[in-house]
Amino acid sequence: YEKRLDEVLTILGDETMSAYQVASGIKWDLTYTSWDQFPLEQMWFATGEAISYLEHLRHQNKVRRFEREGNLLFERVK
């Protein structure tokens, strides 16, 4: 779990991203070679899991969540 949290922080870097964008950067233990090959349902599950990691990091004050132009975004706390 800690490795996955570290991976999410690495994916975010200095960028601002949606949970979908973060999910697309996670190295999932699946047979697909790219995010574009994921079935739509699997993308939903992966994005939901990314949200849970991001929210956990938010409660640790490592990530902040905000809305911009109707989009929910995340970035690392500096």
C-alpha atoms as a PDB file:
ATOM      1  CA  TYR A   1       0.000   0.000   0.000  1.00  0.00           C
ATOM      2  CA  GLU A   2       2.819   2.402   0.867  1.00  0.00           C
ATOM      3  CA  LYS A   3       4.522   1.648  -2.453  1.00  0.00           C
ATOM      4  CA  ARG A   4       1.315   2.518  -4.282  1.00  0.00           C
ATOM      5  CA  LEU A   5       0.969   5.779  -2.350  1.00  0.00           C
ATOM      6  CA  ASP A   6       4.557   6.653  -3.259  1.00  0.00           C
ATOM      7  CA  GLU A   7       3.802   5.786  -6.886  1.00  0.00           C
ATOM      8  CA  VAL A   8       0.813   8.159  -6.882  1.00  0.00           C
ATOM      9  CA  LEU A   9       2.964  10.966  -5.470  1.00  0.00           C
ATOM     10  CA  THR A  10       5.599  10.280  -8.126  1.00  0.00           C
ATOM     11  CA  ILE A  11       2.966  10.352 -10.874  1.00  0.00           C
ATOM     12  CA  LEU A  12       1.673  13.692  -9.613  1.00  0.00           C
ATOM     13  CA  GLY A  13       5.159  15.179  -9.417  1.00  0.00           C
ATOM     14  CA  ASP A  14       4.710  18.935  -9.763  1.00  0.00           C
ATOM     15  CA  GLU A  15       1.648  18.560 -11.986  1.00  0.00           C
ATOM     16  CA  THR A  16      -2.040  19.108 -11.375  1.00  0.00           C
ATOM     17  CA  MET A  17      -4.047  16.058 -12.458  1.00  0.00           C
ATOM     18  CA  SER A  18      -7.442  14.447 -12.356  1.00  0.00           C
ATOM     19  CA  ALA A  19      -7.860  11.049 -10.724  1.00  0.00           C
ATOM     20  CA  TYR A  20      -8.302   9.602 -14.232  1.00  0.00           C
ATOM     21  CA  GLN A  21      -4.920  10.972 -15.277  1.00  0.00           C
ATOM     22  CA  VAL A  22      -3.293   9.570 -12.145  1.00  0.00           C
ATOM     23  CA  ALA A  23      -4.946   6.176 -12.739  1.00  0.00           C
ATOM     24  CA  SER A  24      -3.611   6.093 -16.294  1.00  0.00           C
ATOM     25  CA  GLY A  25      -0.062   6.443 -14.944  1.00  0.00           C
ATOM     26  CA  ILE A  26      -0.237   3.681 -12.325  1.00  0.00           C
ATOM     27  CA  LYS A  27       1.458   0.392 -13.184  1.00  0.00           C
ATOM     28  CA  TRP A  28      -1.474  -1.992 -12.762  1.00  0.00           C
ATOM     29  CA  ASP A  29      -0.945  -5.753 -12.477  1.00  0.00           C
ATOM     30  CA  LEU A  30      -2.957  -6.475 -15.611  1.00  0.00           C
ATOM     31  CA  THR A  31      -2.153  -7.950 -19.012  1.00  0.00           C
ATOM     32  CA  TYR A  32      -2.851  -4.747 -20.964  1.00  0.00           C
ATOM     33  CA  THR A  33       0.206  -3.002 -22.364  1.00  0.00           C
ATOM     34  CA  SER A  34      -1.298   0.493 -22.271  1.00  0.00           C
ATOM     35  CA  TRP A  35      -4.090   2.443 -20.568  1.00  0.00           C
ATOM     36  CA  ASP A  36      -5.887   2.749 -23.933  1.00  0.00           C
ATOM     37  CA  GLN A  37      -6.357  -1.040 -23.990  1.00  0.00           C
ATOM     38  CA  PHE A  38      -8.216  -1.129 -20.663  1.00  0.00           C
ATOM     39  CA  PRO A  39     -11.918  -1.918 -21.031  1.00  0.00           C
ATOM     40  CA  LEU A  40     -14.081   1.020 -19.977  1.00  0.00           C
ATOM     41  CA  GLU A  41     -15.243  -0.788 -16.831  1.00  0.00           C
ATOM     42  CA  GLN A  42     -11.646  -1.450 -15.783  1.00  0.00           C
ATOM     43  CA  MET A  43     -10.826   2.236 -16.278  1.00  0.00           C
ATOM     44  CA  TRP A  44     -13.690   3.093 -13.902  1.00  0.00           C
ATOM     45  CA  PHE A  45     -12.416   0.651 -11.266  1.00  0.00           C
ATOM     46  CA  ALA A  46      -8.831   1.901 -11.631  1.00  0.00           C
ATOM     47  CA  THR A  47      -9.938   5.527 -11.376  1.00  0.00           C
ATOM     48  CA  GLY A  48     -11.951   4.732  -8.256  1.00  0.00           C
ATOM     49  CA  GLU A  49      -8.907   3.101  -6.711  1.00  0.00           C
ATOM     50  CA  ALA A  50      -6.779   6.127  -7.651  1.00  0.00           C
ATOM     51  CA  ILE A  51      -9.333   8.364  -5.925  1.00  0.00           C
ATOM     52  CA  SER A  52      -8.990   6.316  -2.749  1.00  0.00           C
ATOM     53  CA  TYR A  53      -5.195   6.726  -2.806  1.00  0.00           C
ATOM     54  CA  LEU A  54      -5.484  10.438  -3.519  1.00  0.00           C
ATOM     55  CA  GLU A  55      -8.003  10.945  -0.720  1.00  0.00           C
ATOM     56  CA  HIS A  56      -5.789   9.027   1.707  1.00  0.00           C
ATOM     57  CA  LEU A  57      -2.874  11.271   0.748  1.00  0.00           C
ATOM     58  CA  ARG A  58      -5.117  14.308   1.115  1.00  0.00           C
ATOM     59  CA  HIS A  59      -5.950  13.316   4.691  1.00  0.00           C
ATOM     60  CA  GLN A  60      -2.206  13.045   5.320  1.00  0.00           C
ATOM     61  CA  ASN A  61      -1.820  16.617   3.971  1.00  0.00           C
ATOM     62  CA  LYS A  62       0.390  15.403   1.124  1.00  0.00           C
ATOM     63  CA  VAL A  63      -2.123  16.184  -1.630  1.00  0.00           C
ATOM     64  CA  ARG A  64      -4.713  18.903  -2.016  1.00  0.00           C
ATOM     65  CA  ARG A  65      -7.984  18.600  -3.911  1.00  0.00           C
ATOM     66  CA  PHE A  66      -9.724  21.480  -5.657  1.00  0.00           C
ATOM     67  CA  GLU A  67     -12.147  22.226  -8.443  1.00  0.00           C
ATOM     68  CA  ARG A  68     -11.285  24.150 -11.587  1.00  0.00           C
ATOM     69  CA  GLU A  69     -13.787  24.772 -14.374  1.00  0.00           C
ATOM     70  CA  GLY A  70     -15.975  21.946 -13.112  1.00  0.00           C
ATOM     71  CA  ASN A  71     -13.111  19.430 -12.908  1.00  0.00           C
ATOM     72  CA  LEU A  72     -11.924  17.847  -9.662  1.00  0.00           C
ATOM     73  CA  LEU A  73      -8.129  18.040  -9.571  1.00  0.00           C
ATOM     74  CA  PHE A  74      -5.292  17.004  -7.284  1.00  0.00           C
ATOM     75  CA  GLU A  75      -1.792  18.292  -6.700  1.00  0.00           C
ATOM     76  CA  ARG A  76       1.003  17.676  -4.217  1.00  0.00           C
ATOM     77  CA  VAL A  77       1.217  19.966  -1.227  1.00  0.00           C
ATOM     78  CA  LYS A  78       4.392  22.028  -1.427  1.00  0.00           C
END
